[in-house]
N, C-alpha and C. Protein backbone atom coordinates (compact mmCIF):
# COMPACT_ATOMS: atom_id res chain seq x y z
N MET A 1 6.16 72.09 -35.54
CA MET A 1 7.50 72.63 -35.72
C MET A 1 7.56 73.39 -37.05
N ASP A 2 8.23 74.52 -37.05
CA ASP A 2 8.30 75.30 -38.29
C ASP A 2 9.50 74.88 -39.14
N SER A 3 9.77 75.64 -40.17
CA SER A 3 10.80 75.23 -41.12
C SER A 3 12.14 75.91 -40.89
N LYS A 4 12.39 76.35 -39.68
CA LYS A 4 13.70 76.93 -39.36
C LYS A 4 14.75 75.82 -39.28
N PRO A 5 16.00 76.17 -39.61
CA PRO A 5 17.07 75.19 -39.38
C PRO A 5 17.18 74.91 -37.87
N ILE A 6 17.66 73.73 -37.53
CA ILE A 6 17.87 73.35 -36.14
C ILE A 6 19.37 73.27 -35.91
N VAL A 7 19.87 74.07 -34.98
CA VAL A 7 21.30 74.17 -34.73
C VAL A 7 21.62 73.57 -33.36
N LEU A 8 22.57 72.65 -33.35
CA LEU A 8 23.03 72.03 -32.10
C LEU A 8 24.31 72.72 -31.66
N ILE A 9 24.30 73.24 -30.43
CA ILE A 9 25.49 73.85 -29.84
C ILE A 9 25.83 73.11 -28.56
N GLY A 10 27.05 73.26 -28.11
CA GLY A 10 27.48 72.62 -26.87
C GLY A 10 28.97 72.33 -26.94
N PRO A 11 29.50 71.79 -25.85
CA PRO A 11 30.95 71.60 -25.76
C PRO A 11 31.48 70.51 -26.69
N MET A 12 32.78 70.55 -26.94
CA MET A 12 33.45 69.51 -27.71
C MET A 12 33.16 68.15 -27.10
N GLY A 13 32.83 67.19 -27.97
CA GLY A 13 32.68 65.82 -27.52
C GLY A 13 31.35 65.46 -26.89
N VAL A 14 30.41 66.40 -26.82
CA VAL A 14 29.13 66.12 -26.16
C VAL A 14 28.24 65.21 -27.01
N GLY A 15 28.49 65.18 -28.31
CA GLY A 15 27.69 64.31 -29.17
C GLY A 15 26.84 65.05 -30.19
N LYS A 16 27.21 66.27 -30.52
CA LYS A 16 26.42 67.06 -31.46
C LYS A 16 26.28 66.37 -32.81
N SER A 17 27.35 65.80 -33.31
CA SER A 17 27.31 65.13 -34.62
C SER A 17 26.47 63.85 -34.56
N THR A 18 26.71 63.04 -33.56
CA THR A 18 25.98 61.79 -33.41
C THR A 18 24.49 62.04 -33.21
N ILE A 19 24.17 62.94 -32.30
CA ILE A 19 22.78 63.28 -32.02
C ILE A 19 22.16 63.94 -33.25
N GLY A 20 22.91 64.82 -33.89
CA GLY A 20 22.41 65.52 -35.07
C GLY A 20 21.99 64.57 -36.18
N LYS A 21 22.82 63.56 -36.46
CA LYS A 21 22.50 62.58 -37.51
C LYS A 21 21.20 61.84 -37.18
N LYS A 22 21.09 61.38 -35.93
CA LYS A 22 19.89 60.63 -35.52
C LYS A 22 18.65 61.52 -35.51
N LEU A 23 18.81 62.76 -35.04
CA LEU A 23 17.69 63.69 -35.01
C LEU A 23 17.21 64.00 -36.42
N ALA A 24 18.15 64.24 -37.33
CA ALA A 24 17.79 64.53 -38.72
C ALA A 24 17.02 63.37 -39.33
N LYS A 25 17.48 62.17 -39.05
CA LYS A 25 16.80 60.98 -39.58
C LYS A 25 15.37 60.90 -39.03
N ARG A 26 15.21 61.12 -37.73
CA ARG A 26 13.89 61.06 -37.10
C ARG A 26 12.97 62.13 -37.67
N LEU A 27 13.52 63.32 -37.91
CA LEU A 27 12.71 64.43 -38.42
C LEU A 27 12.60 64.44 -39.95
N GLU A 28 13.29 63.48 -40.59
CA GLU A 28 13.33 63.40 -42.05
C GLU A 28 13.84 64.70 -42.67
N LEU A 29 14.97 65.16 -42.12
CA LEU A 29 15.63 66.38 -42.59
C LEU A 29 17.07 66.05 -42.97
N PRO A 30 17.67 66.88 -43.81
CA PRO A 30 19.11 66.72 -44.07
C PRO A 30 19.92 67.03 -42.81
N PHE A 31 21.14 66.52 -42.76
CA PHE A 31 22.05 66.78 -41.65
C PHE A 31 23.34 67.36 -42.20
N LEU A 32 23.88 68.37 -41.51
CA LEU A 32 25.15 68.95 -41.89
C LEU A 32 25.99 69.22 -40.65
N ASP A 33 27.24 68.80 -40.70
CA ASP A 33 28.20 69.06 -39.63
C ASP A 33 29.17 70.12 -40.15
N THR A 34 29.17 71.31 -39.53
CA THR A 34 30.00 72.40 -40.05
C THR A 34 31.49 72.05 -40.01
N ASP A 35 31.92 71.26 -39.03
CA ASP A 35 33.33 70.85 -38.98
C ASP A 35 33.69 70.00 -40.20
N LEU A 36 32.77 69.13 -40.63
CA LEU A 36 33.05 68.29 -41.80
C LEU A 36 33.11 69.12 -43.08
N VAL A 37 32.29 70.16 -43.15
CA VAL A 37 32.33 71.08 -44.29
C VAL A 37 33.70 71.75 -44.35
N ILE A 38 34.18 72.20 -43.20
CA ILE A 38 35.48 72.88 -43.14
C ILE A 38 36.59 71.93 -43.56
N VAL A 39 36.55 70.69 -43.06
CA VAL A 39 37.57 69.70 -43.41
C VAL A 39 37.55 69.43 -44.92
N LYS A 40 36.36 69.28 -45.47
CA LYS A 40 36.23 69.01 -46.90
C LYS A 40 36.79 70.16 -47.75
N GLU A 41 36.54 71.38 -47.32
CA GLU A 41 36.94 72.55 -48.11
C GLU A 41 38.37 73.02 -47.83
N HIS A 42 38.86 72.81 -46.58
CA HIS A 42 40.13 73.43 -46.18
C HIS A 42 41.16 72.48 -45.59
N GLY A 43 40.78 71.23 -45.35
CA GLY A 43 41.72 70.26 -44.78
C GLY A 43 41.47 70.02 -43.29
N PRO A 44 42.28 69.14 -42.69
CA PRO A 44 42.09 68.76 -41.29
C PRO A 44 42.14 69.96 -40.33
N ILE A 45 41.24 69.97 -39.38
CA ILE A 45 41.14 71.09 -38.43
C ILE A 45 42.43 71.30 -37.64
N PRO A 46 43.07 70.24 -37.12
CA PRO A 46 44.33 70.47 -36.39
C PRO A 46 45.38 71.18 -37.26
N GLN A 47 45.41 70.84 -38.56
CA GLN A 47 46.35 71.48 -39.48
C GLN A 47 46.00 72.95 -39.68
N ILE A 48 44.71 73.24 -39.80
CA ILE A 48 44.28 74.64 -39.96
C ILE A 48 44.74 75.45 -38.76
N PHE A 49 44.50 74.93 -37.56
CA PHE A 49 44.92 75.62 -36.33
C PHE A 49 46.43 75.85 -36.32
N GLU A 50 47.17 74.81 -36.68
CA GLU A 50 48.62 74.87 -36.61
C GLU A 50 49.22 75.81 -37.66
N ILE A 51 48.74 75.73 -38.89
CA ILE A 51 49.34 76.47 -39.99
C ILE A 51 48.72 77.86 -40.16
N GLU A 52 47.38 77.93 -40.12
CA GLU A 52 46.70 79.19 -40.41
C GLU A 52 46.24 79.93 -39.16
N GLY A 53 46.09 79.20 -38.06
CA GLY A 53 45.68 79.82 -36.80
C GLY A 53 44.19 79.70 -36.53
N GLU A 54 43.85 79.90 -35.26
CA GLU A 54 42.45 79.77 -34.85
C GLU A 54 41.56 80.81 -35.50
N SER A 55 42.04 82.03 -35.69
CA SER A 55 41.19 83.07 -36.27
C SER A 55 40.78 82.73 -37.70
N VAL A 56 41.67 82.13 -38.47
CA VAL A 56 41.32 81.70 -39.83
C VAL A 56 40.28 80.58 -39.76
N PHE A 57 40.49 79.63 -38.85
CA PHE A 57 39.51 78.56 -38.67
C PHE A 57 38.13 79.14 -38.34
N ARG A 58 38.09 80.11 -37.43
CA ARG A 58 36.80 80.72 -37.03
C ARG A 58 36.12 81.40 -38.23
N GLY A 59 36.91 81.96 -39.12
CA GLY A 59 36.35 82.53 -40.35
C GLY A 59 35.72 81.47 -41.23
N TYR A 60 36.42 80.35 -41.37
CA TYR A 60 35.87 79.22 -42.13
C TYR A 60 34.56 78.73 -41.48
N GLU A 61 34.57 78.72 -40.16
CA GLU A 61 33.40 78.27 -39.41
C GLU A 61 32.20 79.20 -39.65
N GLU A 62 32.46 80.50 -39.65
CA GLU A 62 31.39 81.47 -39.91
C GLU A 62 30.79 81.24 -41.29
N SER A 63 31.63 81.03 -42.27
CA SER A 63 31.18 80.81 -43.64
C SER A 63 30.36 79.52 -43.76
N ALA A 64 30.86 78.45 -43.14
CA ALA A 64 30.16 77.16 -43.20
C ALA A 64 28.79 77.26 -42.53
N LEU A 65 28.72 77.95 -41.39
CA LEU A 65 27.44 78.07 -40.67
C LEU A 65 26.46 78.94 -41.45
N ALA A 66 26.93 80.06 -41.98
CA ALA A 66 26.05 80.95 -42.75
C ALA A 66 25.43 80.20 -43.92
N SER A 67 26.22 79.42 -44.60
CA SER A 67 25.73 78.64 -45.73
C SER A 67 24.74 77.56 -45.26
N ALA A 68 25.07 76.90 -44.17
CA ALA A 68 24.20 75.83 -43.64
C ALA A 68 22.83 76.36 -43.23
N LEU A 69 22.80 77.58 -42.72
CA LEU A 69 21.54 78.15 -42.23
C LEU A 69 20.56 78.51 -43.35
N GLU A 70 21.00 78.41 -44.58
CA GLU A 70 20.12 78.71 -45.71
C GLU A 70 19.13 77.58 -45.99
N THR A 71 19.33 76.42 -45.37
CA THR A 71 18.51 75.24 -45.63
C THR A 71 17.84 74.77 -44.34
N HIS A 72 16.60 74.28 -44.48
CA HIS A 72 15.89 73.68 -43.35
C HIS A 72 16.52 72.31 -43.10
N GLN A 73 17.40 72.24 -42.11
CA GLN A 73 18.13 71.01 -41.81
C GLN A 73 18.61 71.04 -40.37
N VAL A 74 19.19 69.93 -39.93
CA VAL A 74 19.81 69.84 -38.62
C VAL A 74 21.30 70.11 -38.81
N ILE A 75 21.83 71.03 -38.00
CA ILE A 75 23.22 71.47 -38.14
C ILE A 75 23.98 71.24 -36.83
N ALA A 76 25.06 70.48 -36.91
CA ALA A 76 25.96 70.33 -35.76
C ALA A 76 27.08 71.33 -35.93
N THR A 77 27.32 72.14 -34.90
CA THR A 77 28.39 73.13 -34.95
C THR A 77 29.58 72.66 -34.13
N GLY A 78 30.71 73.31 -34.35
CA GLY A 78 31.85 73.08 -33.50
C GLY A 78 31.60 73.73 -32.15
N GLY A 79 32.26 73.25 -31.12
CA GLY A 79 32.05 73.76 -29.77
C GLY A 79 32.28 75.25 -29.61
N GLY A 80 33.18 75.81 -30.45
CA GLY A 80 33.50 77.23 -30.33
C GLY A 80 32.76 78.13 -31.30
N ALA A 81 31.83 77.58 -32.06
CA ALA A 81 31.09 78.40 -33.03
C ALA A 81 30.38 79.57 -32.36
N VAL A 82 29.99 79.40 -31.11
CA VAL A 82 29.25 80.44 -30.38
C VAL A 82 30.12 81.64 -30.00
N LEU A 83 31.44 81.53 -30.17
CA LEU A 83 32.34 82.62 -29.79
C LEU A 83 32.22 83.81 -30.74
N SER A 84 31.80 83.56 -31.96
CA SER A 84 31.70 84.60 -32.97
C SER A 84 30.40 85.37 -32.86
N GLY A 85 30.51 86.68 -32.77
CA GLY A 85 29.31 87.51 -32.76
C GLY A 85 28.49 87.33 -34.02
N LYS A 86 29.18 87.15 -35.15
CA LYS A 86 28.49 86.91 -36.42
C LYS A 86 27.66 85.63 -36.35
N ASN A 87 28.24 84.56 -35.79
CA ASN A 87 27.50 83.30 -35.64
C ASN A 87 26.34 83.45 -34.65
N GLN A 88 26.58 84.18 -33.58
CA GLN A 88 25.52 84.39 -32.59
C GLN A 88 24.31 85.05 -33.24
N ARG A 89 24.55 86.06 -34.04
CA ARG A 89 23.46 86.75 -34.74
C ARG A 89 22.82 85.83 -35.78
N ALA A 90 23.63 85.06 -36.48
CA ALA A 90 23.13 84.18 -37.54
C ALA A 90 22.17 83.12 -37.01
N ILE A 91 22.49 82.55 -35.84
CA ILE A 91 21.65 81.46 -35.34
C ILE A 91 20.36 81.96 -34.68
N GLU A 92 20.21 83.27 -34.56
CA GLU A 92 18.95 83.81 -34.02
C GLU A 92 17.77 83.42 -34.91
N SER A 93 18.04 83.15 -36.18
CA SER A 93 16.97 82.78 -37.12
C SER A 93 16.68 81.28 -37.09
N ALA A 94 17.37 80.54 -36.25
CA ALA A 94 17.23 79.08 -36.19
C ALA A 94 16.64 78.65 -34.84
N ILE A 95 16.31 77.38 -34.74
CA ILE A 95 15.99 76.77 -33.45
C ILE A 95 17.33 76.27 -32.91
N VAL A 96 17.71 76.76 -31.74
CA VAL A 96 19.03 76.44 -31.19
C VAL A 96 18.87 75.54 -29.96
N ILE A 97 19.50 74.37 -30.04
CA ILE A 97 19.44 73.39 -28.95
C ILE A 97 20.82 73.26 -28.34
N TYR A 98 20.88 73.51 -27.04
CA TYR A 98 22.14 73.39 -26.30
C TYR A 98 22.21 71.99 -25.70
N LEU A 99 23.19 71.21 -26.12
CA LEU A 99 23.42 69.88 -25.57
C LEU A 99 24.43 70.02 -24.44
N SER A 100 23.94 69.89 -23.22
CA SER A 100 24.79 70.08 -22.04
C SER A 100 25.22 68.74 -21.47
N THR A 101 26.17 68.79 -20.56
CA THR A 101 26.68 67.58 -19.92
C THR A 101 27.25 67.93 -18.54
N ASN A 102 27.27 66.94 -17.66
CA ASN A 102 27.93 67.15 -16.37
C ASN A 102 29.43 66.86 -16.49
N GLY A 103 29.85 66.37 -17.65
CA GLY A 103 31.26 66.16 -17.94
C GLY A 103 31.85 64.85 -17.47
N LEU A 104 31.07 64.02 -16.78
CA LEU A 104 31.64 62.80 -16.19
C LEU A 104 32.13 61.79 -17.23
N HIS A 105 31.50 61.76 -18.40
CA HIS A 105 31.90 60.79 -19.42
C HIS A 105 32.86 61.37 -20.45
N MET A 106 33.24 62.62 -20.28
CA MET A 106 34.00 63.31 -21.32
C MET A 106 35.44 62.82 -21.47
N LYS A 107 36.06 62.44 -20.39
CA LYS A 107 37.46 62.03 -20.47
C LYS A 107 37.63 60.86 -21.45
N SER A 108 36.75 59.87 -21.37
CA SER A 108 36.85 58.72 -22.27
C SER A 108 36.48 59.12 -23.71
N ARG A 109 35.53 60.02 -23.87
CA ARG A 109 35.13 60.44 -25.22
C ARG A 109 36.22 61.23 -25.92
N LEU A 110 37.02 61.95 -25.15
CA LEU A 110 38.03 62.83 -25.74
C LEU A 110 39.40 62.17 -25.86
N SER A 111 39.56 60.99 -25.29
CA SER A 111 40.88 60.38 -25.18
C SER A 111 41.53 60.06 -26.52
N ASN A 112 40.74 59.73 -27.54
CA ASN A 112 41.36 59.35 -28.81
C ASN A 112 41.19 60.42 -29.89
N GLY A 113 40.73 61.58 -29.52
CA GLY A 113 40.53 62.64 -30.51
C GLY A 113 41.77 63.49 -30.69
N ASN A 114 41.80 64.18 -31.81
CA ASN A 114 42.91 65.10 -32.08
C ASN A 114 42.32 66.50 -32.09
N ARG A 115 42.19 67.09 -30.91
CA ARG A 115 41.53 68.39 -30.79
C ARG A 115 42.56 69.43 -30.41
N PRO A 116 42.76 70.42 -31.29
CA PRO A 116 43.85 71.38 -31.09
C PRO A 116 43.77 72.21 -29.81
N LEU A 117 42.58 72.42 -29.27
CA LEU A 117 42.47 73.25 -28.06
C LEU A 117 42.61 72.45 -26.77
N LEU A 118 42.80 71.13 -26.89
CA LEU A 118 42.86 70.28 -25.69
C LEU A 118 44.25 69.70 -25.47
N LYS A 119 45.23 70.57 -25.41
CA LYS A 119 46.62 70.12 -25.19
C LYS A 119 46.74 69.42 -23.83
N ASN A 120 45.97 69.89 -22.84
CA ASN A 120 46.01 69.30 -21.49
C ASN A 120 44.77 68.46 -21.20
N GLY A 121 44.18 67.90 -22.26
CA GLY A 121 43.08 66.97 -22.11
C GLY A 121 41.87 67.52 -21.39
N ILE A 122 41.38 66.74 -20.44
CA ILE A 122 40.13 67.06 -19.74
C ILE A 122 40.23 68.37 -18.95
N THR A 123 41.42 68.73 -18.50
CA THR A 123 41.60 70.00 -17.79
C THR A 123 41.25 71.18 -18.70
N ASP A 124 41.78 71.14 -19.92
CA ASP A 124 41.44 72.19 -20.89
C ASP A 124 39.96 72.14 -21.24
N TRP A 125 39.41 70.93 -21.41
CA TRP A 125 38.00 70.79 -21.76
C TRP A 125 37.12 71.47 -20.71
N LYS A 126 37.41 71.20 -19.44
CA LYS A 126 36.60 71.79 -18.34
C LYS A 126 36.69 73.32 -18.35
N ARG A 127 37.89 73.84 -18.53
CA ARG A 127 38.09 75.29 -18.55
C ARG A 127 37.32 75.92 -19.71
N ILE A 128 37.46 75.33 -20.90
CA ILE A 128 36.79 75.86 -22.08
C ILE A 128 35.26 75.78 -21.92
N TYR A 129 34.77 74.66 -21.40
CA TYR A 129 33.32 74.51 -21.20
C TYR A 129 32.80 75.56 -20.21
N ASP A 130 33.53 75.75 -19.13
CA ASP A 130 33.11 76.76 -18.14
C ASP A 130 33.06 78.16 -18.75
N GLU A 131 34.03 78.45 -19.64
CA GLU A 131 34.06 79.77 -20.30
C GLU A 131 32.89 79.95 -21.26
N ARG A 132 32.54 78.89 -21.97
CA ARG A 132 31.52 78.99 -23.03
C ARG A 132 30.10 78.74 -22.55
N LYS A 133 29.97 78.10 -21.41
CA LYS A 133 28.64 77.70 -20.92
C LYS A 133 27.64 78.86 -20.88
N PRO A 134 28.01 80.04 -20.38
CA PRO A 134 27.04 81.15 -20.39
C PRO A 134 26.55 81.51 -21.79
N LEU A 135 27.41 81.39 -22.79
CA LEU A 135 27.01 81.65 -24.17
C LEU A 135 26.01 80.60 -24.65
N TYR A 136 26.32 79.33 -24.39
CA TYR A 136 25.41 78.25 -24.79
C TYR A 136 24.02 78.49 -24.17
N GLU A 137 24.02 78.83 -22.89
CA GLU A 137 22.75 79.02 -22.17
C GLU A 137 21.98 80.21 -22.71
N ARG A 138 22.68 81.29 -23.03
CA ARG A 138 22.02 82.50 -23.52
C ARG A 138 21.47 82.33 -24.94
N LEU A 139 22.17 81.59 -25.76
CA LEU A 139 21.81 81.49 -27.17
C LEU A 139 20.76 80.43 -27.50
N CYS A 140 20.51 79.52 -26.58
CA CYS A 140 19.64 78.39 -26.92
C CYS A 140 18.16 78.68 -26.71
N ASP A 141 17.35 77.96 -27.49
CA ASP A 141 15.90 77.95 -27.28
C ASP A 141 15.55 76.98 -26.15
N PHE A 142 16.31 75.89 -26.08
CA PHE A 142 16.18 74.97 -24.95
C PHE A 142 17.44 74.12 -24.80
N GLU A 143 17.58 73.56 -23.61
CA GLU A 143 18.75 72.77 -23.24
C GLU A 143 18.35 71.32 -23.03
N ILE A 144 19.20 70.42 -23.49
CA ILE A 144 19.00 68.99 -23.28
C ILE A 144 20.26 68.46 -22.58
N ASP A 145 20.09 67.86 -21.42
CA ASP A 145 21.22 67.30 -20.68
C ASP A 145 21.53 65.92 -21.24
N CYS A 146 22.71 65.76 -21.80
CA CYS A 146 23.13 64.50 -22.42
C CYS A 146 23.99 63.65 -21.49
N SER A 147 24.03 63.99 -20.22
CA SER A 147 24.95 63.32 -19.29
C SER A 147 24.69 61.83 -19.14
N ALA A 148 23.43 61.45 -18.96
CA ALA A 148 23.16 60.07 -18.61
C ALA A 148 22.17 59.38 -19.54
N ALA A 149 21.42 60.15 -20.30
CA ALA A 149 20.36 59.57 -21.12
C ALA A 149 20.93 58.80 -22.31
N SER A 150 20.21 57.77 -22.72
CA SER A 150 20.58 57.03 -23.92
C SER A 150 20.35 57.92 -25.13
N LEU A 151 20.95 57.55 -26.23
CA LEU A 151 20.80 58.32 -27.46
C LEU A 151 19.33 58.40 -27.88
N SER A 152 18.62 57.28 -27.83
CA SER A 152 17.21 57.29 -28.25
C SER A 152 16.35 58.15 -27.33
N LYS A 153 16.65 58.13 -26.03
CA LYS A 153 15.89 58.96 -25.09
C LYS A 153 16.18 60.44 -25.34
N THR A 154 17.43 60.76 -25.63
CA THR A 154 17.81 62.14 -25.93
C THR A 154 17.08 62.64 -27.17
N ILE A 155 17.03 61.83 -28.22
CA ILE A 155 16.35 62.21 -29.46
C ILE A 155 14.86 62.42 -29.20
N THR A 156 14.25 61.52 -28.44
CA THR A 156 12.83 61.65 -28.11
C THR A 156 12.57 62.93 -27.31
N GLU A 157 13.45 63.23 -26.36
CA GLU A 157 13.30 64.45 -25.55
C GLU A 157 13.39 65.70 -26.43
N ILE A 158 14.34 65.70 -27.38
CA ILE A 158 14.48 66.84 -28.29
C ILE A 158 13.21 66.99 -29.13
N CYS A 159 12.70 65.90 -29.67
CA CYS A 159 11.50 65.95 -30.52
C CYS A 159 10.29 66.47 -29.74
N THR A 160 10.16 66.05 -28.50
CA THR A 160 9.08 66.52 -27.65
C THR A 160 9.18 68.04 -27.46
N LYS A 161 10.38 68.52 -27.16
CA LYS A 161 10.58 69.97 -26.96
C LYS A 161 10.32 70.75 -28.26
N LEU A 162 10.73 70.18 -29.39
CA LEU A 162 10.50 70.84 -30.67
C LEU A 162 9.01 71.00 -30.95
N GLU A 163 8.24 69.99 -30.59
CA GLU A 163 6.78 70.05 -30.78
C GLU A 163 6.15 71.14 -29.93
N GLU A 164 6.78 71.43 -28.78
CA GLU A 164 6.24 72.44 -27.86
C GLU A 164 6.52 73.87 -28.31
N LEU A 165 7.47 74.04 -29.24
CA LEU A 165 7.83 75.39 -29.68
C LEU A 165 6.75 76.00 -30.56
């Protein structure tokens, strides 16, 4: 495996942060969650959406990702990071892993979250995932289905694929 940053993309709630932390530990790399960077620098994401709007949030996201890509590390992105052309171009220099799902476990994962784009819960999640899925598929170096596998199996599968690159 080379020294490119590793970027995790995929829908809200799929486990990018959880998988990213474990993957970084296994690979002995730093881990960065772009959403946490935004919260630290600008405040809670729901508040940003409500007060400043989604376009301002997307700008913060572009800045956080650009900065994160300067370091060889594992990066968890927000589900909508792929919407930005700037982000799409930026991650071309990284190893991009698409964490996909069949969606069956998503309702329980999203039930206690405060996600500004999910006013109608799982219905909104499905619509947004369907809209973004072609982008995730086009931008990734490889896809890992997180629908049924255990966390440790998912991490092992990612490491195996990384070795093949």
